[in-house]
Amino acid sequence: MNMMIKRAPSLLLSLFLSLQLASSAHAADLKSGVFEPPRPAPELALVTSSGKPFRLADYRGKVVILEFGYTHCPAICPTLLATLAQARALMKSQAARVQVVFVTVDPARDDNARLAAWLPHFDPAFVGLTGNGQQVGAVMKAFGITATRVPMANGGYGIDHSSYLYFIDPKGILRALMPFGRPAADIAHDARVLLEEGA
């Protein structure tokens, strides 16, 4: 049974208060909610699934799409990762300029080795991020993500967490927020808009 409940926590609700209709023509074409005004994306002081420090600056020129989740998720996180892989496939030659970054909300179980083994099942280009509890907690706070352990009958636990896609444009600016459940075509559409805007 999926223990994840998609909801907007109070911190994220305050973030939503700053989401308004965009004034520029390009931003108005986005299917996501937009950050107005746009602002630099918070840094993610975590390590990648390959064990290297992650820096957003290394991805300038690409659209970065952030997803928060965990590898033991029974359904929703894998579904969203599969949808992101479909979105990249829809983008064809532009896919090389879109980087999906999966940030764990379960650092106790999701070390870089586990992320490195799990993510390629969806797309070998996906990057996973992890760290210690304090580091992951700081990133989650910066993006308004909450996560709560939910005990399971087998003695383990699931995680009830908020789930959104964050779009960071090629200049490293946090531009848009898309809720869970949108189709691959919408994700690809917004990534294209941000790539074409920066061309």
N, C-alpha and C. Protein backbone atom coordinates (compact mmCIF):
# COMPACT_ATOMS: atom_id res chain seq x y z
N MET A 1 0.85 -1.20 0.00
CA MET A 1 0.00 0.00 0.00
C MET A 1 0.88 1.24 0.00
N ASN A 2 0.52 2.19 -0.80
CA ASN A 2 1.34 3.40 -0.88
C ASN A 2 1.07 4.29 0.31
N MET A 3 2.13 4.61 1.05
CA MET A 3 1.97 5.41 2.25
C MET A 3 2.13 6.89 2.00
N MET A 4 2.41 7.25 0.75
CA MET A 4 2.68 8.65 0.45
C MET A 4 1.39 9.41 0.18
N ILE A 5 1.20 10.50 0.86
CA ILE A 5 0.03 11.35 0.66
C ILE A 5 0.52 12.66 0.09
N LYS A 6 0.04 13.02 -1.08
CA LYS A 6 0.51 14.24 -1.72
C LYS A 6 -0.29 15.43 -1.19
N ARG A 7 0.38 16.27 -0.46
CA ARG A 7 -0.31 17.43 0.09
C ARG A 7 0.65 18.59 0.17
N ALA A 8 0.13 19.79 0.28
CA ALA A 8 0.98 20.98 0.39
C ALA A 8 1.14 21.31 1.86
N PRO A 9 2.34 21.13 2.45
CA PRO A 9 2.56 21.49 3.84
C PRO A 9 2.50 22.99 4.01
N SER A 10 2.39 23.41 5.26
CA SER A 10 2.23 24.85 5.51
C SER A 10 3.38 25.66 4.96
N LEU A 11 4.61 25.12 5.05
CA LEU A 11 5.75 25.87 4.52
C LEU A 11 5.63 26.04 3.02
N LEU A 12 5.18 24.98 2.34
CA LEU A 12 5.03 25.08 0.90
C LEU A 12 3.86 25.98 0.52
N LEU A 13 2.83 25.99 1.35
CA LEU A 13 1.71 26.88 1.08
C LEU A 13 2.18 28.33 1.08
N SER A 14 3.09 28.65 2.00
CA SER A 14 3.61 30.02 2.02
C SER A 14 4.42 30.29 0.77
N LEU A 15 5.09 29.25 0.26
CA LEU A 15 5.83 29.39 -0.99
C LEU A 15 4.86 29.67 -2.13
N PHE A 16 3.73 28.99 -2.11
CA PHE A 16 2.74 29.18 -3.16
C PHE A 16 2.18 30.59 -3.19
N LEU A 17 2.20 31.27 -2.06
CA LEU A 17 1.68 32.64 -2.03
C LEU A 17 2.48 33.55 -2.95
N SER A 18 3.73 33.15 -3.24
CA SER A 18 4.55 33.97 -4.13
C SER A 18 4.42 33.54 -5.58
N LEU A 19 3.59 32.53 -5.84
CA LEU A 19 3.39 32.09 -7.22
C LEU A 19 2.24 32.91 -7.81
N GLN A 20 2.53 33.65 -8.85
CA GLN A 20 1.53 34.50 -9.49
C GLN A 20 1.59 34.28 -10.98
N LEU A 21 0.61 34.82 -11.67
CA LEU A 21 0.67 34.76 -13.12
C LEU A 21 1.88 35.53 -13.61
N ALA A 22 2.64 34.93 -14.51
CA ALA A 22 3.87 35.56 -14.98
C ALA A 22 3.55 36.71 -15.91
N SER A 23 4.44 37.70 -15.88
CA SER A 23 4.23 38.85 -16.74
C SER A 23 4.84 38.67 -18.12
N SER A 24 5.89 37.83 -18.23
CA SER A 24 6.52 37.65 -19.53
C SER A 24 5.74 36.66 -20.38
N ALA A 25 5.83 36.81 -21.69
CA ALA A 25 5.12 35.92 -22.60
C ALA A 25 5.60 34.50 -22.46
N HIS A 26 6.92 34.30 -22.33
CA HIS A 26 7.45 32.95 -22.23
C HIS A 26 6.95 32.26 -20.97
N ALA A 27 7.06 32.93 -19.83
CA ALA A 27 6.64 32.32 -18.57
C ALA A 27 5.15 32.03 -18.58
N ALA A 28 4.37 32.87 -19.26
CA ALA A 28 2.93 32.65 -19.32
C ALA A 28 2.60 31.39 -20.10
N ASP A 29 3.54 30.90 -20.92
CA ASP A 29 3.31 29.69 -21.68
C ASP A 29 3.52 28.43 -20.86
N LEU A 30 4.08 28.55 -19.67
CA LEU A 30 4.34 27.38 -18.84
C LEU A 30 3.04 26.79 -18.31
N LYS A 31 3.01 25.47 -18.21
CA LYS A 31 1.85 24.79 -17.65
C LYS A 31 1.96 24.67 -16.13
N SER A 32 3.15 24.91 -15.59
CA SER A 32 3.38 24.87 -14.15
C SER A 32 3.00 26.20 -13.52
N GLY A 33 2.93 26.21 -12.20
CA GLY A 33 2.89 27.48 -11.48
C GLY A 33 4.26 28.10 -11.57
N VAL A 34 4.34 29.41 -11.62
CA VAL A 34 5.64 30.07 -11.79
C VAL A 34 5.99 30.90 -10.56
N PHE A 35 7.30 31.04 -10.33
CA PHE A 35 7.79 31.90 -9.26
C PHE A 35 7.92 33.31 -9.82
N GLU A 36 7.21 34.24 -9.22
CA GLU A 36 7.23 35.62 -9.70
C GLU A 36 7.49 36.55 -8.52
N PRO A 37 8.63 37.20 -8.44
CA PRO A 37 9.67 37.13 -9.47
C PRO A 37 10.48 35.84 -9.33
N PRO A 38 11.12 35.41 -10.43
CA PRO A 38 12.02 34.26 -10.33
C PRO A 38 13.16 34.59 -9.38
N ARG A 39 13.76 33.54 -8.78
CA ARG A 39 14.87 33.78 -7.86
C ARG A 39 15.91 32.67 -8.03
N PRO A 40 17.17 32.95 -7.65
CA PRO A 40 18.19 31.89 -7.76
C PRO A 40 17.76 30.65 -6.99
N ALA A 41 17.98 29.50 -7.58
CA ALA A 41 17.62 28.25 -6.91
C ALA A 41 18.51 28.04 -5.69
N PRO A 42 17.95 27.55 -4.58
CA PRO A 42 18.78 27.23 -3.42
C PRO A 42 19.83 26.18 -3.80
N GLU A 43 21.00 26.28 -3.21
CA GLU A 43 22.06 25.30 -3.48
C GLU A 43 21.69 23.97 -2.84
N LEU A 44 22.17 22.89 -3.44
CA LEU A 44 21.92 21.55 -2.91
C LEU A 44 23.27 20.98 -2.47
N ALA A 45 23.60 21.19 -1.20
CA ALA A 45 24.90 20.77 -0.68
C ALA A 45 24.84 19.29 -0.32
N LEU A 46 24.76 18.45 -1.34
CA LEU A 46 24.62 17.00 -1.18
C LEU A 46 25.62 16.30 -2.09
N VAL A 47 25.68 14.97 -2.00
CA VAL A 47 26.56 14.20 -2.88
C VAL A 47 25.72 13.43 -3.88
N THR A 48 26.30 13.19 -5.05
CA THR A 48 25.58 12.49 -6.11
C THR A 48 25.64 10.98 -5.91
N SER A 49 24.88 10.28 -6.73
CA SER A 49 24.88 8.82 -6.68
C SER A 49 26.23 8.25 -7.08
N SER A 50 27.08 9.05 -7.71
CA SER A 50 28.44 8.60 -8.04
C SER A 50 29.44 8.97 -6.95
N GLY A 51 28.96 9.60 -5.87
CA GLY A 51 29.81 9.93 -4.73
C GLY A 51 30.50 11.27 -4.81
N LYS A 52 30.18 12.08 -5.81
CA LYS A 52 30.82 13.38 -5.99
C LYS A 52 29.93 14.50 -5.43
N PRO A 53 30.52 15.59 -4.96
CA PRO A 53 29.73 16.73 -4.51
C PRO A 53 28.91 17.29 -5.68
N PHE A 54 27.69 17.68 -5.39
CA PHE A 54 26.80 18.23 -6.41
C PHE A 54 26.85 19.75 -6.38
N ARG A 55 26.93 20.35 -7.56
CA ARG A 55 26.87 21.81 -7.67
C ARG A 55 25.93 22.17 -8.82
N LEU A 56 24.93 22.97 -8.52
CA LEU A 56 24.02 23.40 -9.57
C LEU A 56 24.74 24.14 -10.68
N ALA A 57 25.81 24.85 -10.32
CA ALA A 57 26.55 25.63 -11.32
C ALA A 57 27.10 24.74 -12.43
N ASP A 58 27.32 23.47 -12.14
CA ASP A 58 27.83 22.55 -13.16
C ASP A 58 26.81 22.27 -14.25
N TYR A 59 25.56 22.65 -14.02
CA TYR A 59 24.48 22.36 -14.98
C TYR A 59 23.96 23.61 -15.67
N ARG A 60 24.73 24.69 -15.63
CA ARG A 60 24.32 25.88 -16.37
C ARG A 60 24.21 25.52 -17.85
N GLY A 61 23.19 26.07 -18.49
CA GLY A 61 22.92 25.74 -19.89
C GLY A 61 21.90 24.63 -20.04
N LYS A 62 21.54 23.99 -18.93
CA LYS A 62 20.53 22.94 -18.95
C LYS A 62 19.34 23.34 -18.07
N VAL A 63 18.20 22.76 -18.36
CA VAL A 63 17.06 22.84 -17.44
C VAL A 63 17.22 21.70 -16.44
N VAL A 64 17.21 22.02 -15.16
CA VAL A 64 17.28 21.01 -14.11
C VAL A 64 15.88 20.83 -13.53
N ILE A 65 15.43 19.57 -13.48
CA ILE A 65 14.13 19.26 -12.89
C ILE A 65 14.38 18.45 -11.63
N LEU A 66 13.97 19.00 -10.49
CA LEU A 66 14.17 18.33 -9.21
C LEU A 66 12.93 17.55 -8.81
N GLU A 67 13.15 16.30 -8.37
CA GLU A 67 12.09 15.52 -7.73
C GLU A 67 12.59 15.07 -6.37
N PHE A 68 11.73 15.11 -5.36
CA PHE A 68 12.04 14.61 -4.04
C PHE A 68 11.28 13.30 -3.82
N GLY A 69 11.98 12.29 -3.30
CA GLY A 69 11.32 11.00 -3.08
C GLY A 69 12.26 10.04 -2.37
N TYR A 70 11.94 8.74 -2.44
CA TYR A 70 12.80 7.76 -1.79
C TYR A 70 12.68 6.42 -2.52
N THR A 71 13.75 5.62 -2.44
CA THR A 71 13.83 4.42 -3.26
C THR A 71 12.92 3.29 -2.81
N HIS A 72 12.50 3.29 -1.54
CA HIS A 72 11.60 2.25 -1.05
C HIS A 72 10.13 2.58 -1.31
N CYS A 73 9.87 3.69 -1.96
CA CYS A 73 8.50 4.08 -2.28
C CYS A 73 7.86 3.00 -3.15
N PRO A 74 6.68 2.52 -2.78
CA PRO A 74 6.08 1.42 -3.52
C PRO A 74 5.46 1.78 -4.86
N ALA A 75 5.07 3.02 -5.07
CA ALA A 75 4.36 3.31 -6.32
C ALA A 75 4.59 4.71 -6.87
N ILE A 76 4.36 5.73 -6.08
CA ILE A 76 4.28 7.09 -6.62
C ILE A 76 5.63 7.61 -7.10
N CYS A 77 6.69 7.43 -6.31
CA CYS A 77 8.01 7.91 -6.76
C CYS A 77 8.45 7.20 -8.04
N PRO A 78 8.33 5.86 -8.12
CA PRO A 78 8.69 5.20 -9.38
C PRO A 78 7.83 5.66 -10.55
N THR A 79 6.56 5.92 -10.30
CA THR A 79 5.68 6.39 -11.37
C THR A 79 6.15 7.75 -11.89
N LEU A 80 6.50 8.64 -10.98
CA LEU A 80 6.95 9.97 -11.39
C LEU A 80 8.28 9.90 -12.12
N LEU A 81 9.19 9.05 -11.67
CA LEU A 81 10.47 8.90 -12.37
C LEU A 81 10.26 8.34 -13.78
N ALA A 82 9.32 7.40 -13.90
CA ALA A 82 9.02 6.86 -15.23
C ALA A 82 8.43 7.94 -16.13
N THR A 83 7.60 8.81 -15.55
CA THR A 83 7.01 9.91 -16.31
C THR A 83 8.09 10.89 -16.76
N LEU A 84 9.06 11.15 -15.89
CA LEU A 84 10.16 12.04 -16.24
C LEU A 84 11.01 11.43 -17.37
N ALA A 85 11.20 10.13 -17.33
CA ALA A 85 11.93 9.47 -18.41
C ALA A 85 11.17 9.59 -19.73
N GLN A 86 9.85 9.46 -19.66
CA GLN A 86 9.02 9.62 -20.86
C GLN A 86 9.12 11.05 -21.40
N ALA A 87 9.15 12.02 -20.48
CA ALA A 87 9.25 13.42 -20.89
C ALA A 87 10.56 13.66 -21.63
N ARG A 88 11.66 13.12 -21.12
CA ARG A 88 12.94 13.28 -21.81
C ARG A 88 12.91 12.62 -23.18
N ALA A 89 12.25 11.48 -23.28
CA ALA A 89 12.15 10.80 -24.58
C ALA A 89 11.37 11.65 -25.57
N LEU A 90 10.34 12.34 -25.08
CA LEU A 90 9.55 13.21 -25.96
C LEU A 90 10.36 14.38 -26.48
N MET A 91 11.38 14.76 -25.75
CA MET A 91 12.17 15.94 -26.13
C MET A 91 13.23 15.62 -27.18
N LYS A 92 13.46 14.34 -27.44
CA LYS A 92 14.38 13.91 -28.50
C LYS A 92 15.74 14.59 -28.36
N SER A 93 16.16 15.35 -29.36
CA SER A 93 17.51 15.93 -29.33
C SER A 93 17.70 16.93 -28.20
N GLN A 94 16.62 17.51 -27.69
CA GLN A 94 16.74 18.47 -26.59
C GLN A 94 16.93 17.79 -25.24
N ALA A 95 16.73 16.48 -25.19
CA ALA A 95 16.81 15.76 -23.91
C ALA A 95 18.18 15.91 -23.25
N ALA A 96 19.22 16.04 -24.05
CA ALA A 96 20.57 16.17 -23.49
C ALA A 96 20.74 17.45 -22.68
N ARG A 97 19.82 18.40 -22.86
CA ARG A 97 19.89 19.67 -22.13
C ARG A 97 18.89 19.73 -20.97
N VAL A 98 18.38 18.56 -20.59
CA VAL A 98 17.47 18.47 -19.44
C VAL A 98 18.05 17.47 -18.45
N GLN A 99 18.30 17.92 -17.23
CA GLN A 99 18.87 17.05 -16.21
C GLN A 99 17.86 16.82 -15.10
N VAL A 100 17.45 15.57 -14.93
CA VAL A 100 16.58 15.20 -13.81
C VAL A 100 17.45 14.88 -12.61
N VAL A 101 17.11 15.49 -11.47
CA VAL A 101 17.85 15.27 -10.23
C VAL A 101 16.86 14.77 -9.18
N PHE A 102 17.13 13.60 -8.63
CA PHE A 102 16.27 12.96 -7.63
C PHE A 102 16.91 13.14 -6.26
N VAL A 103 16.23 13.86 -5.38
CA VAL A 103 16.74 14.13 -4.03
C VAL A 103 16.02 13.22 -3.04
N THR A 104 16.78 12.38 -2.33
CA THR A 104 16.12 11.48 -1.38
C THR A 104 15.59 12.24 -0.18
N VAL A 105 14.46 11.77 0.34
CA VAL A 105 13.95 12.26 1.62
C VAL A 105 14.18 11.21 2.70
N ASP A 106 14.94 10.16 2.35
CA ASP A 106 15.18 9.03 3.25
C ASP A 106 16.68 8.71 3.29
N PRO A 107 17.50 9.65 3.79
CA PRO A 107 18.95 9.43 3.76
C PRO A 107 19.41 8.26 4.60
N ALA A 108 18.60 7.83 5.57
CA ALA A 108 18.99 6.69 6.40
C ALA A 108 19.12 5.41 5.58
N ARG A 109 18.32 5.30 4.52
CA ARG A 109 18.38 4.09 3.67
C ARG A 109 18.95 4.36 2.29
N ASP A 110 18.82 5.58 1.81
CA ASP A 110 19.24 5.89 0.44
C ASP A 110 20.65 6.49 0.41
N ASP A 111 21.66 5.61 0.46
CA ASP A 111 23.02 6.11 0.27
C ASP A 111 23.30 6.21 -1.22
N ASN A 112 24.47 6.72 -1.57
CA ASN A 112 24.74 6.94 -3.00
C ASN A 112 24.80 5.63 -3.77
N ALA A 113 25.25 4.54 -3.13
CA ALA A 113 25.30 3.25 -3.82
C ALA A 113 23.90 2.75 -4.18
N ARG A 114 22.97 2.92 -3.26
CA ARG A 114 21.59 2.47 -3.56
C ARG A 114 20.98 3.32 -4.67
N LEU A 115 21.19 4.63 -4.61
CA LEU A 115 20.66 5.50 -5.66
C LEU A 115 21.28 5.15 -7.01
N ALA A 116 22.60 4.84 -7.01
CA ALA A 116 23.30 4.52 -8.25
C ALA A 116 22.77 3.23 -8.87
N ALA A 117 22.31 2.30 -8.03
CA ALA A 117 21.78 1.03 -8.54
C ALA A 117 20.32 1.15 -8.98
N TRP A 118 19.58 2.08 -8.36
CA TRP A 118 18.14 2.17 -8.57
C TRP A 118 17.74 3.09 -9.72
N LEU A 119 18.35 4.25 -9.80
CA LEU A 119 17.92 5.25 -10.79
C LEU A 119 18.08 4.83 -12.24
N PRO A 120 19.13 4.08 -12.63
CA PRO A 120 19.27 3.70 -14.04
C PRO A 120 18.13 2.83 -14.57
N HIS A 121 17.33 2.25 -13.67
CA HIS A 121 16.15 1.50 -14.14
C HIS A 121 15.16 2.42 -14.85
N PHE A 122 15.23 3.69 -14.54
CA PHE A 122 14.33 4.67 -15.16
C PHE A 122 15.03 5.40 -16.32
N ASP A 123 16.22 5.91 -16.06
CA ASP A 123 16.99 6.62 -17.09
C ASP A 123 18.43 6.74 -16.59
N PRO A 124 19.39 6.23 -17.35
CA PRO A 124 20.79 6.29 -16.90
C PRO A 124 21.31 7.70 -16.69
N ALA A 125 20.64 8.69 -17.27
CA ALA A 125 21.09 10.08 -17.14
C ALA A 125 20.64 10.73 -15.84
N PHE A 126 19.72 10.11 -15.11
CA PHE A 126 19.23 10.72 -13.88
C PHE A 126 20.34 10.75 -12.82
N VAL A 127 20.37 11.82 -12.04
CA VAL A 127 21.33 11.98 -10.96
C VAL A 127 20.59 11.90 -9.64
N GLY A 128 21.11 11.10 -8.71
CA GLY A 128 20.52 11.01 -7.38
C GLY A 128 21.36 11.79 -6.39
N LEU A 129 20.71 12.39 -5.39
CA LEU A 129 21.42 13.15 -4.36
C LEU A 129 21.06 12.64 -2.97
N THR A 130 22.07 12.55 -2.11
CA THR A 130 21.86 12.15 -0.74
C THR A 130 22.87 12.87 0.14
N GLY A 131 22.83 12.59 1.43
CA GLY A 131 23.73 13.21 2.39
C GLY A 131 23.34 12.74 3.77
N ASN A 132 23.84 13.39 4.80
CA ASN A 132 23.39 13.02 6.14
C ASN A 132 22.03 13.68 6.41
N GLY A 133 21.43 13.31 7.53
CA GLY A 133 20.10 13.81 7.83
C GLY A 133 20.01 15.32 7.89
N GLN A 134 21.03 15.96 8.45
CA GLN A 134 21.03 17.42 8.57
C GLN A 134 21.13 18.07 7.19
N GLN A 135 21.99 17.54 6.34
CA GLN A 135 22.17 18.11 5.00
C GLN A 135 20.90 17.97 4.18
N VAL A 136 20.31 16.78 4.19
CA VAL A 136 19.08 16.56 3.43
C VAL A 136 17.96 17.42 4.00
N GLY A 137 17.89 17.52 5.33
CA GLY A 137 16.86 18.35 5.95
C GLY A 137 16.96 19.80 5.54
N ALA A 138 18.18 20.31 5.40
CA ALA A 138 18.36 21.71 5.00
C ALA A 138 17.87 21.94 3.58
N VAL A 139 18.14 21.00 2.69
CA VAL A 139 17.67 21.13 1.31
C VAL A 139 16.16 21.06 1.25
N MET A 140 15.58 20.12 1.99
CA MET A 140 14.12 20.00 2.02
C MET A 140 13.48 21.29 2.53
N LYS A 141 14.06 21.87 3.57
CA LYS A 141 13.52 23.12 4.12
C LYS A 141 13.59 24.23 3.10
N ALA A 142 14.70 24.29 2.36
CA ALA A 142 14.88 25.35 1.37
C ALA A 142 13.84 25.28 0.26
N PHE A 143 13.36 24.06 -0.03
CA PHE A 143 12.38 23.89 -1.10
C PHE A 143 10.96 23.65 -0.57
N GLY A 144 10.78 23.74 0.74
CA GLY A 144 9.44 23.60 1.30
C GLY A 144 8.91 22.18 1.29
N ILE A 145 9.80 21.19 1.38
CA ILE A 145 9.40 19.79 1.36
C ILE A 145 9.36 19.24 2.78
N THR A 146 8.30 18.52 3.13
CA THR A 146 8.22 17.85 4.43
C THR A 146 8.17 16.34 4.21
N ALA A 147 8.64 15.59 5.21
CA ALA A 147 8.63 14.14 5.13
C ALA A 147 8.44 13.58 6.54
N THR A 148 7.54 12.62 6.67
CA THR A 148 7.24 12.02 7.97
C THR A 148 7.24 10.50 7.83
N ARG A 149 7.95 9.82 8.72
CA ARG A 149 7.94 8.36 8.70
C ARG A 149 6.57 7.83 9.11
N VAL A 150 6.12 6.80 8.41
CA VAL A 150 4.83 6.16 8.70
C VAL A 150 5.11 4.69 8.97
N PRO A 151 4.88 4.20 10.22
CA PRO A 151 5.15 2.80 10.52
C PRO A 151 4.31 1.86 9.65
N MET A 152 4.90 0.72 9.27
CA MET A 152 4.20 -0.27 8.47
C MET A 152 4.07 -1.56 9.26
N ALA A 153 3.12 -2.39 8.87
CA ALA A 153 2.82 -3.62 9.59
C ALA A 153 4.00 -4.58 9.65
N ASN A 154 4.88 -4.53 8.66
CA ASN A 154 6.02 -5.44 8.62
C ASN A 154 7.18 -4.98 9.49
N GLY A 155 6.99 -3.90 10.22
CA GLY A 155 8.04 -3.39 11.09
C GLY A 155 8.90 -2.32 10.44
N GLY A 156 8.76 -2.14 9.15
CA GLY A 156 9.50 -1.10 8.45
C GLY A 156 8.74 0.22 8.47
N TYR A 157 9.05 1.08 7.54
CA TYR A 157 8.35 2.35 7.47
C TYR A 157 8.26 2.85 6.04
N GLY A 158 7.21 3.59 5.79
CA GLY A 158 7.08 4.34 4.56
C GLY A 158 7.32 5.80 4.89
N ILE A 159 7.25 6.66 3.90
CA ILE A 159 7.43 8.10 4.15
C ILE A 159 6.32 8.87 3.45
N ASP A 160 5.62 9.63 4.25
CA ASP A 160 4.58 10.54 3.76
C ASP A 160 5.27 11.87 3.48
N HIS A 161 5.39 12.25 2.21
CA HIS A 161 6.09 13.50 1.89
C HIS A 161 5.41 14.25 0.76
N SER A 162 5.65 15.54 0.72
CA SER A 162 5.12 16.36 -0.36
C SER A 162 5.93 16.06 -1.62
N SER A 163 5.26 16.17 -2.77
CA SER A 163 5.92 15.79 -4.03
C SER A 163 5.57 16.78 -5.13
N TYR A 164 6.60 17.49 -5.59
CA TYR A 164 6.45 18.47 -6.66
C TYR A 164 7.68 18.40 -7.54
N LEU A 165 7.56 18.86 -8.77
CA LEU A 165 8.70 19.01 -9.64
C LEU A 165 9.09 20.48 -9.65
N TYR A 166 10.37 20.74 -9.43
CA TYR A 166 10.89 22.10 -9.45
C TYR A 166 11.71 22.28 -10.73
N PHE A 167 11.41 23.32 -11.49
CA PHE A 167 12.12 23.59 -12.74
C PHE A 167 13.11 24.73 -12.52
N ILE A 168 14.38 24.46 -12.79
CA ILE A 168 15.44 25.46 -12.68
C ILE A 168 15.94 25.73 -14.10
N ASP A 169 15.95 26.98 -14.49
CA ASP A 169 16.28 27.29 -15.89
C ASP A 169 17.79 27.23 -16.16
N PRO A 170 18.21 27.38 -17.41
CA PRO A 170 19.63 27.25 -17.75
C PRO A 170 20.56 28.25 -17.07
N LYS A 171 19.99 29.30 -16.47
CA LYS A 171 20.82 30.27 -15.76
C LYS A 171 20.85 30.00 -14.25
N GLY A 172 20.23 28.91 -13.82
CA GLY A 172 20.23 28.57 -12.41
C GLY A 172 19.14 29.25 -11.61
N ILE A 173 18.10 29.72 -12.30
CA ILE A 173 17.00 30.43 -11.65
C ILE A 173 15.82 29.49 -11.45
N LEU A 174 15.28 29.48 -10.24
CA LEU A 174 14.10 28.68 -9.92
C LEU A 174 12.88 29.32 -10.56
N ARG A 175 12.28 28.61 -11.50
CA ARG A 175 11.25 29.24 -12.32
C ARG A 175 9.84 28.70 -12.10
N ALA A 176 9.70 27.38 -11.88
CA ALA A 176 8.35 26.83 -11.91
C ALA A 176 8.22 25.63 -10.98
N LEU A 177 6.97 25.36 -10.61
CA LEU A 177 6.63 24.28 -9.68
C LEU A 177 5.44 23.53 -10.25
N MET A 178 5.61 22.22 -10.47
CA MET A 178 4.54 21.41 -11.05
C MET A 178 4.10 20.34 -10.04
N PRO A 179 2.80 20.24 -9.78
CA PRO A 179 2.33 19.23 -8.82
C PRO A 179 2.39 17.82 -9.39
N PHE A 180 2.39 16.86 -8.50
CA PHE A 180 2.36 15.46 -8.90
C PHE A 180 1.13 15.15 -9.74
N GLY A 181 1.26 14.26 -10.70
CA GLY A 181 0.13 13.79 -11.48
C GLY A 181 0.01 14.36 -12.87
N ARG A 182 0.90 15.28 -13.24
CA ARG A 182 0.82 15.85 -14.58
C ARG A 182 1.49 14.91 -15.58
N PRO A 183 1.02 14.90 -16.83
CA PRO A 183 1.57 13.97 -17.82
C PRO A 183 2.95 14.36 -18.33
N ALA A 184 3.61 13.39 -18.95
CA ALA A 184 4.95 13.62 -19.49
C ALA A 184 4.96 14.76 -20.49
N ALA A 185 3.89 14.90 -21.27
CA ALA A 185 3.84 15.96 -22.28
C ALA A 185 3.91 17.34 -21.64
N ASP A 186 3.30 17.52 -20.48
CA ASP A 186 3.35 18.82 -19.79
C ASP A 186 4.76 19.11 -19.29
N ILE A 187 5.43 18.09 -18.77
CA ILE A 187 6.79 18.26 -18.28
C ILE A 187 7.71 18.65 -19.44
N ALA A 188 7.59 17.91 -20.54
CA ALA A 188 8.42 18.20 -21.72
C ALA A 188 8.12 19.60 -22.25
N HIS A 189 6.86 19.98 -22.25
CA HIS A 189 6.47 21.31 -22.73
C HIS A 189 7.17 22.40 -21.94
N ASP A 190 7.12 22.31 -20.61
CA ASP A 190 7.71 23.36 -19.79
C ASP A 190 9.24 23.38 -19.91
N ALA A 191 9.84 22.21 -20.02
CA ALA A 191 11.30 22.17 -20.21
C ALA A 191 11.67 22.83 -21.54
N ARG A 192 10.89 22.59 -22.59
CA ARG A 192 11.16 23.22 -23.90
C ARG A 192 11.04 24.74 -23.81
N VAL A 193 9.99 25.21 -23.13
CA VAL A 193 9.79 26.67 -23.00
C VAL A 193 11.00 27.31 -22.35
N LEU A 194 11.50 26.69 -21.27
CA LEU A 194 12.64 27.28 -20.56
C LEU A 194 13.92 27.20 -21.39
N LEU A 195 14.08 26.13 -22.17
CA LEU A 195 15.26 26.02 -23.03
C LEU A 195 15.20 27.08 -24.15
N GLU A 196 14.02 27.22 -24.75
CA GLU A 196 13.89 28.18 -25.86
C GLU A 196 14.00 29.62 -25.36
N GLU A 197 13.52 29.87 -24.15
CA GLU A 197 13.62 31.21 -23.56
C GLU A 197 15.09 31.59 -23.37
N GLY A 198 15.92 30.61 -23.01
CA GLY A 198 17.32 30.90 -22.77
C GLY A 198 18.19 30.84 -24.01
N ALA A 199 17.60 30.50 -25.17
CA ALA A 199 18.39 30.37 -26.39
C ALA A 199 18.82 31.74 -26.91
